[in-house]
Amino acid sequence: MTKGERWLNQIYEGIYRLKPPLLAGCRGVMAKPFLEKIGFKEFHREFISQLGFPSEVLRGVKGNGLV
């Protein structure tokens, strides 16, 4: 789950603020800053929204290989 890019995706942020257990305590995060801290670079990000649920697929390079 990531931070929403569109107004529809913000619904999940609102639900989390009002009643976190409805989302099992999960909230959207941006993965890129965490991956940068452990040495990943050259990112390709794809945002996916299914029924307003915001997700991301993130690919980056670390060292000599693609992960």
PDB file of N, CA and C in Angstrom:
ATOM      1  N   MET A   1       0.857  -1.171   0.000  1.00  0.00           N
ATOM      2  CA  MET A   1       0.000   0.000   0.000  1.00  0.00           C
ATOM      3  C   MET A   1       0.902   1.232   0.000  1.00  0.00           C
ATOM      4  N   THR A   2       0.574   2.159  -0.870  1.00  0.00           N
ATOM      5  CA  THR A   2       1.357   3.375  -0.986  1.00  0.00           C
ATOM      6  C   THR A   2       0.475   4.595  -0.736  1.00  0.00           C
ATOM      7  N   LYS A   3       1.055   5.745  -0.777  1.00  0.00           N
ATOM      8  CA  LYS A   3       0.277   6.989  -0.686  1.00  0.00           C
ATOM      9  C   LYS A   3      -0.475   7.174  -1.994  1.00  0.00           C
ATOM     10  N   GLY A   4      -1.718   7.570  -1.907  1.00  0.00           N
ATOM     11  CA  GLY A   4      -2.541   7.756  -3.093  1.00  0.00           C
ATOM     12  C   GLY A   4      -2.154   8.966  -3.910  1.00  0.00           C
ATOM     13  N   GLU A   5      -2.326   8.854  -5.215  1.00  0.00           N
ATOM     14  CA  GLU A   5      -2.025   9.957  -6.129  1.00  0.00           C
ATOM     15  C   GLU A   5      -3.288  10.687  -6.585  1.00  0.00           C
ATOM     16  N   ARG A   6      -4.415  10.052  -6.425  1.00  0.00           N
ATOM     17  CA  ARG A   6      -5.682  10.628  -6.902  1.00  0.00           C
ATOM     18  C   ARG A   6      -6.638  10.795  -5.726  1.00  0.00           C
ATOM     19  N   TRP A   7      -7.670  11.598  -5.917  1.00  0.00           N
ATOM     20  CA  TRP A   7      -8.603  11.866  -4.830  1.00  0.00           C
ATOM     21  C   TRP A   7      -9.250  10.587  -4.308  1.00  0.00           C
ATOM     22  N   LEU A   8      -9.559   9.638  -5.199  1.00  0.00           N
ATOM     23  CA  LEU A   8     -10.203   8.395  -4.788  1.00  0.00           C
ATOM     24  C   LEU A   8      -9.313   7.609  -3.828  1.00  0.00           C
ATOM     25  N   ASN A   9      -8.007   7.658  -4.057  1.00  0.00           N
ATOM     26  CA  ASN A   9      -7.066   6.936  -3.193  1.00  0.00           C
ATOM     27  C   ASN A   9      -6.995   7.523  -1.793  1.00  0.00           C
ATOM     28  N   GLN A  10      -7.368   8.758  -1.633  1.00  0.00           N
ATOM     29  CA  GLN A  10      -7.312   9.415  -0.324  1.00  0.00           C
ATOM     30  C   GLN A  10      -8.352   8.844   0.646  1.00  0.00           C
ATOM     31  N   ILE A  11      -9.315   8.114   0.116  1.00  0.00           N
ATOM     32  CA  ILE A  11     -10.331   7.493   0.971  1.00  0.00           C
ATOM     33  C   ILE A  11      -9.659   6.594   2.014  1.00  0.00           C
ATOM     34  N   TYR A  12      -8.653   5.845   1.584  1.00  0.00           N
ATOM     35  CA  TYR A  12      -7.971   4.940   2.511  1.00  0.00           C
ATOM     36  C   TYR A  12      -7.200   5.689   3.590  1.00  0.00           C
ATOM     37  N   GLU A  13      -6.652   6.840   3.237  1.00  0.00           N
ATOM     38  CA  GLU A  13      -5.981   7.677   4.249  1.00  0.00           C
ATOM     39  C   GLU A  13      -6.999   8.138   5.293  1.00  0.00           C
ATOM     40  N   GLY A  14      -8.181   8.534   4.823  1.00  0.00           N
ATOM     41  CA  GLY A  14      -9.239   8.976   5.731  1.00  0.00           C
ATOM     42  C   GLY A  14      -9.725   7.862   6.641  1.00  0.00           C
ATOM     43  N   ILE A  15      -9.901   6.677   6.080  1.00  0.00           N
ATOM     44  CA  ILE A  15     -10.317   5.530   6.894  1.00  0.00           C
ATOM     45  C   ILE A  15      -9.275   5.239   7.963  1.00  0.00           C
ATOM     46  N   TYR A  16      -8.003   5.285   7.574  1.00  0.00           N
ATOM     47  CA  TYR A  16      -6.939   5.009   8.536  1.00  0.00           C
ATOM     48  C   TYR A  16      -6.957   6.021   9.685  1.00  0.00           C
ATOM     49  N   ARG A  17      -7.165   7.293   9.341  1.00  0.00           N
ATOM     50  CA  ARG A  17      -7.195   8.330  10.381  1.00  0.00           C
ATOM     51  C   ARG A  17      -8.360   8.140  11.342  1.00  0.00           C
ATOM     52  N   LEU A  18      -9.519   7.717  10.809  1.00  0.00           N
ATOM     53  CA  LEU A  18     -10.714   7.564  11.640  1.00  0.00           C
ATOM     54  C   LEU A  18     -10.736   6.257  12.432  1.00  0.00           C
ATOM     55  N   LYS A  19     -10.329   5.170  11.775  1.00  0.00           N
ATOM     56  CA  LYS A  19     -10.436   3.852  12.420  1.00  0.00           C
ATOM     57  C   LYS A  19      -9.411   2.886  11.814  1.00  0.00           C
ATOM     58  N   PRO A  20      -8.166   2.935  12.287  1.00  0.00           N
ATOM     59  CA  PRO A  20      -7.097   2.089  11.751  1.00  0.00           C
ATOM     60  C   PRO A  20      -7.413   0.588  11.695  1.00  0.00           C
ATOM     61  N   PRO A  21      -8.152   0.020  12.661  1.00  0.00           N
ATOM     62  CA  PRO A  21      -8.418  -1.422  12.589  1.00  0.00           C
ATOM     63  C   PRO A  21      -9.164  -1.860  11.317  1.00  0.00           C
ATOM     64  N   LEU A  22      -9.909  -0.959  10.705  1.00  0.00           N
ATOM     65  CA  LEU A  22     -10.611  -1.326   9.470  1.00  0.00           C
ATOM     66  C   LEU A  22      -9.645  -1.680   8.340  1.00  0.00           C
ATOM     67  N   LEU A  23      -8.429  -1.170   8.418  1.00  0.00           N
ATOM     68  CA  LEU A  23      -7.404  -1.483   7.420  1.00  0.00           C
ATOM     69  C   LEU A  23      -6.313  -2.358   8.029  1.00  0.00           C
ATOM     70  N   ALA A  24      -6.648  -3.048   9.101  1.00  0.00           N
ATOM     71  CA  ALA A  24      -5.699  -3.904   9.821  1.00  0.00           C
ATOM     72  C   ALA A  24      -4.470  -3.117  10.275  1.00  0.00           C
ATOM     73  N   GLY A  25      -4.649  -1.823  10.517  1.00  0.00           N
ATOM     74  CA  GLY A  25      -3.547  -0.986  10.973  1.00  0.00           C
ATOM     75  C   GLY A  25      -2.564  -0.593   9.882  1.00  0.00           C
ATOM     76  N   CYS A  26      -2.855  -0.965   8.635  1.00  0.00           N
ATOM     77  CA  CYS A  26      -1.955  -0.649   7.516  1.00  0.00           C
ATOM     78  C   CYS A  26      -2.238   0.750   6.987  1.00  0.00           C
ATOM     79  N   ARG A  27      -1.179   1.439   6.609  1.00  0.00           N
ATOM     80  CA  ARG A  27      -1.336   2.741   5.981  1.00  0.00           C
ATOM     81  C   ARG A  27      -0.324   2.855   4.856  1.00  0.00           C
ATOM     82  N   GLY A  28      -0.598   3.746   3.957  1.00  0.00           N
ATOM     83  CA  GLY A  28       0.258   3.908   2.797  1.00  0.00           C
ATOM     84  C   GLY A  28       1.623   4.489   3.130  1.00  0.00           C
ATOM     85  N   VAL A  29       2.647   3.943   2.519  1.00  0.00           N
ATOM     86  CA  VAL A  29       4.005   4.454   2.672  1.00  0.00           C
ATOM     87  C   VAL A  29       4.652   4.524   1.290  1.00  0.00           C
ATOM     88  N   MET A  30       5.619   5.397   1.174  1.00  0.00           N
ATOM     89  CA  MET A  30       6.410   5.486  -0.054  1.00  0.00           C
ATOM     90  C   MET A  30       7.666   4.649   0.171  1.00  0.00           C
ATOM     91  N   ALA A  31       7.880   3.626  -0.647  1.00  0.00           N
ATOM     92  CA  ALA A  31       8.996   2.684  -0.452  1.00  0.00           C
ATOM     93  C   ALA A  31      10.350   3.257  -0.879  1.00  0.00           C
ATOM     94  N   LYS A  32      10.356   4.163  -1.841  1.00  0.00           N
ATOM     95  CA  LYS A  32      11.615   4.644  -2.408  1.00  0.00           C
ATOM     96  C   LYS A  32      12.607   5.188  -1.370  1.00  0.00           C
ATOM     97  N   PRO A  33      12.209   6.031  -0.423  1.00  0.00           N
ATOM     98  CA  PRO A  33      13.178   6.537   0.559  1.00  0.00           C
ATOM     99  C   PRO A  33      13.848   5.422   1.369  1.00  0.00           C
ATOM    100  N   PHE A  34      13.111   4.378   1.696  1.00  0.00           N
ATOM    101  CA  PHE A  34      13.678   3.267   2.447  1.00  0.00           C
ATOM    102  C   PHE A  34      14.683   2.482   1.595  1.00  0.00           C
ATOM    103  N   LEU A  35      14.345   2.288   0.332  1.00  0.00           N
ATOM    104  CA  LEU A  35      15.248   1.565  -0.562  1.00  0.00           C
ATOM    105  C   LEU A  35      16.505   2.373  -0.868  1.00  0.00           C
ATOM    106  N   GLU A  36      16.369   3.687  -0.960  1.00  0.00           N
ATOM    107  CA  GLU A  36      17.546   4.543  -1.183  1.00  0.00           C
ATOM    108  C   GLU A  36      18.524   4.436  -0.014  1.00  0.00           C
ATOM    109  N   LYS A  37      17.996   4.350   1.198  1.00  0.00           N
ATOM    110  CA  LYS A  37      18.856   4.255   2.387  1.00  0.00           C
ATOM    111  C   LYS A  37      19.701   2.988   2.404  1.00  0.00           C
ATOM    112  N   ILE A  38      19.234   1.936   1.745  1.00  0.00           N
ATOM    113  CA  ILE A  38      20.012   0.692   1.733  1.00  0.00           C
ATOM    114  C   ILE A  38      20.744   0.477   0.409  1.00  0.00           C
ATOM    115  N   GLY A  39      20.856   1.561  -0.382  1.00  0.00           N
ATOM    116  CA  GLY A  39      21.731   1.521  -1.538  1.00  0.00           C
ATOM    117  C   GLY A  39      21.118   1.289  -2.908  1.00  0.00           C
ATOM    118  N   PHE A  40      19.794   1.267  -3.006  1.00  0.00           N
ATOM    119  CA  PHE A  40      19.176   1.117  -4.326  1.00  0.00           C
ATOM    120  C   PHE A  40      19.176   2.453  -5.052  1.00  0.00           C
ATOM    121  N   LYS A  41      19.181   2.407  -6.388  1.00  0.00           N
ATOM    122  CA  LYS A  41      19.152   3.618  -7.222  1.00  0.00           C
ATOM    123  C   LYS A  41      18.494   3.284  -8.554  1.00  0.00           C
ATOM    124  N   GLU A  42      18.425   4.253  -9.438  1.00  0.00           N
ATOM    125  CA  GLU A  42      17.842   4.071 -10.780  1.00  0.00           C
ATOM    126  C   GLU A  42      16.472   3.394 -10.705  1.00  0.00           C
ATOM    127  N   PHE A  43      15.533   4.055 -10.121  1.00  0.00           N
ATOM    128  CA  PHE A  43      14.211   3.485  -9.880  1.00  0.00           C
ATOM    129  C   PHE A  43      13.276   3.601 -11.072  1.00  0.00           C
ATOM    130  N   HIS A  44      12.422   2.630 -11.172  1.00  0.00           N
ATOM    131  CA  HIS A  44      11.275   2.680 -12.081  1.00  0.00           C
ATOM    132  C   HIS A  44      10.056   2.363 -11.219  1.00  0.00           C
ATOM    133  N   ARG A  45       9.091   3.265 -11.204  1.00  0.00           N
ATOM    134  CA  ARG A  45       7.913   3.104 -10.349  1.00  0.00           C
ATOM    135  C   ARG A  45       6.661   3.045 -11.204  1.00  0.00           C
ATOM    136  N   GLU A  46       5.777   2.128 -10.837  1.00  0.00           N
ATOM    137  CA  GLU A  46       4.479   2.041 -11.486  1.00  0.00           C
ATOM    138  C   GLU A  46       3.406   2.111 -10.406  1.00  0.00           C
ATOM    139  N   PHE A  47       2.489   3.052 -10.560  1.00  0.00           N
ATOM    140  CA  PHE A  47       1.397   3.227  -9.606  1.00  0.00           C
ATOM    141  C   PHE A  47       0.194   2.426 -10.088  1.00  0.00           C
ATOM    142  N   ILE A  48      -0.439   1.710  -9.172  1.00  0.00           N
ATOM    143  CA  ILE A  48      -1.597   0.889  -9.508  1.00  0.00           C
ATOM    144  C   ILE A  48      -2.707   1.217  -8.519  1.00  0.00           C
ATOM    145  N   SER A  49      -3.911   1.411  -9.036  1.00  0.00           N
ATOM    146  CA  SER A  49      -5.063   1.674  -8.191  1.00  0.00           C
ATOM    147  C   SER A  49      -6.169   0.689  -8.562  1.00  0.00           C
ATOM    148  N   GLN A  50      -6.515  -0.185  -7.611  1.00  0.00           N
ATOM    149  CA  GLN A  50      -7.590  -1.143  -7.833  1.00  0.00           C
ATOM    150  C   GLN A  50      -8.710  -0.844  -6.852  1.00  0.00           C
ATOM    151  N   LEU A  51      -9.863  -0.469  -7.374  1.00  0.00           N
ATOM    152  CA  LEU A  51     -11.001  -0.064  -6.551  1.00  0.00           C
ATOM    153  C   LEU A  51     -10.607   1.040  -5.575  1.00  0.00           C
ATOM    154  N   GLY A  52      -9.707   1.907  -6.002  1.00  0.00           N
ATOM    155  CA  GLY A  52      -9.263   3.014  -5.184  1.00  0.00           C
ATOM    156  C   GLY A  52      -8.133   2.676  -4.226  1.00  0.00           C
ATOM    157  N   PHE A  53      -7.766   1.386  -4.121  1.00  0.00           N
ATOM    158  CA  PHE A  53      -6.689   0.970  -3.221  1.00  0.00           C
ATOM    159  C   PHE A  53      -5.345   1.249  -3.896  1.00  0.00           C
ATOM    160  N   PRO A  54      -4.523   2.146  -3.325  1.00  0.00           N
ATOM    161  CA  PRO A  54      -3.282   2.557  -3.966  1.00  0.00           C
ATOM    162  C   PRO A  54      -2.112   1.613  -3.668  1.00  0.00           C
ATOM    163  N   SER A  55      -1.480   1.139  -4.719  1.00  0.00           N
ATOM    164  CA  SER A  55      -0.304   0.272  -4.600  1.00  0.00           C
ATOM    165  C   SER A  55       0.770   0.764  -5.553  1.00  0.00           C
ATOM    166  N   GLU A  56       2.003   0.326  -5.319  1.00  0.00           N
ATOM    167  CA  GLU A  56       3.078   0.661  -6.235  1.00  0.00           C
ATOM    168  C   GLU A  56       3.974  -0.549  -6.455  1.00  0.00           C
ATOM    169  N   VAL A  57       4.517  -0.612  -7.656  1.00  0.00           N
ATOM    170  CA  VAL A  57       5.533  -1.596  -7.983  1.00  0.00           C
ATOM    171  C   VAL A  57       6.790  -0.780  -8.229  1.00  0.00           C
ATOM    172  N   LEU A  58       7.828  -1.088  -7.484  1.00  0.00           N
ATOM    173  CA  LEU A  58       9.056  -0.298  -7.545  1.00  0.00           C
ATOM    174  C   LEU A  58      10.219  -1.229  -7.854  1.00  0.00           C
ATOM    175  N   ARG A  59      10.992  -0.847  -8.866  1.00  0.00           N
ATOM    176  CA  ARG A  59      12.160  -1.628  -9.251  1.00  0.00           C
ATOM    177  C   ARG A  59      13.377  -0.721  -9.188  1.00  0.00           C
ATOM    178  N   GLY A  60      14.462  -1.220  -8.617  1.00  0.00           N
ATOM    179  CA  GLY A  60      15.665  -0.423  -8.512  1.00  0.00           C
ATOM    180  C   GLY A  60      16.904  -1.286  -8.681  1.00  0.00           C
ATOM    181  N   VAL A  61      18.026  -0.635  -8.822  1.00  0.00           N
ATOM    182  CA  VAL A  61      19.299  -1.315  -9.022  1.00  0.00           C
ATOM    183  C   VAL A  61      20.136  -1.160  -7.747  1.00  0.00           C
ATOM    184  N   LYS A  62      20.748  -2.270  -7.335  1.00  0.00           N
ATOM    185  CA  LYS A  62      21.664  -2.237  -6.198  1.00  0.00           C
ATOM    186  C   LYS A  62      22.931  -2.981  -6.594  1.00  0.00           C
ATOM    187  N   GLY A  63      24.060  -2.341  -6.425  1.00  0.00           N
ATOM    188  CA  GLY A  63      25.319  -2.959  -6.825  1.00  0.00           C
ATOM    189  C   GLY A  63      25.346  -3.198  -8.318  1.00  0.00           C
ATOM    190  N   ASN A  64      25.700  -4.401  -8.745  1.00  0.00           N
ATOM    191  CA  ASN A  64      25.784  -4.737 -10.164  1.00  0.00           C
ATOM    192  C   ASN A  64      24.525  -5.395 -10.706  1.00  0.00           C
ATOM    193  N   GLY A  65      23.600  -5.748  -9.834  1.00  0.00           N
ATOM    194  CA  GLY A  65      22.429  -6.500 -10.291  1.00  0.00           C
ATOM    195  C   GLY A  65      21.143  -5.731 -10.156  1.00  0.00           C
ATOM    196  N   LEU A  66      20.162  -6.200 -10.863  1.00  0.00           N
ATOM    197  CA  LEU A  66      18.824  -5.615 -10.814  1.00  0.00           C
ATOM    198  C   LEU A  66      18.000  -6.404  -9.816  1.00  0.00           C
ATOM    199  N   VAL A  67      17.370  -5.703  -8.892  1.00  0.00           N
ATOM    200  CA  VAL A  67      16.555  -6.377  -7.884  1.00  0.00           C
ATOM    201  C   VAL A  67      15.186  -5.741  -7.846  1.00  0.00           C
TER     202      VAL A  67
END
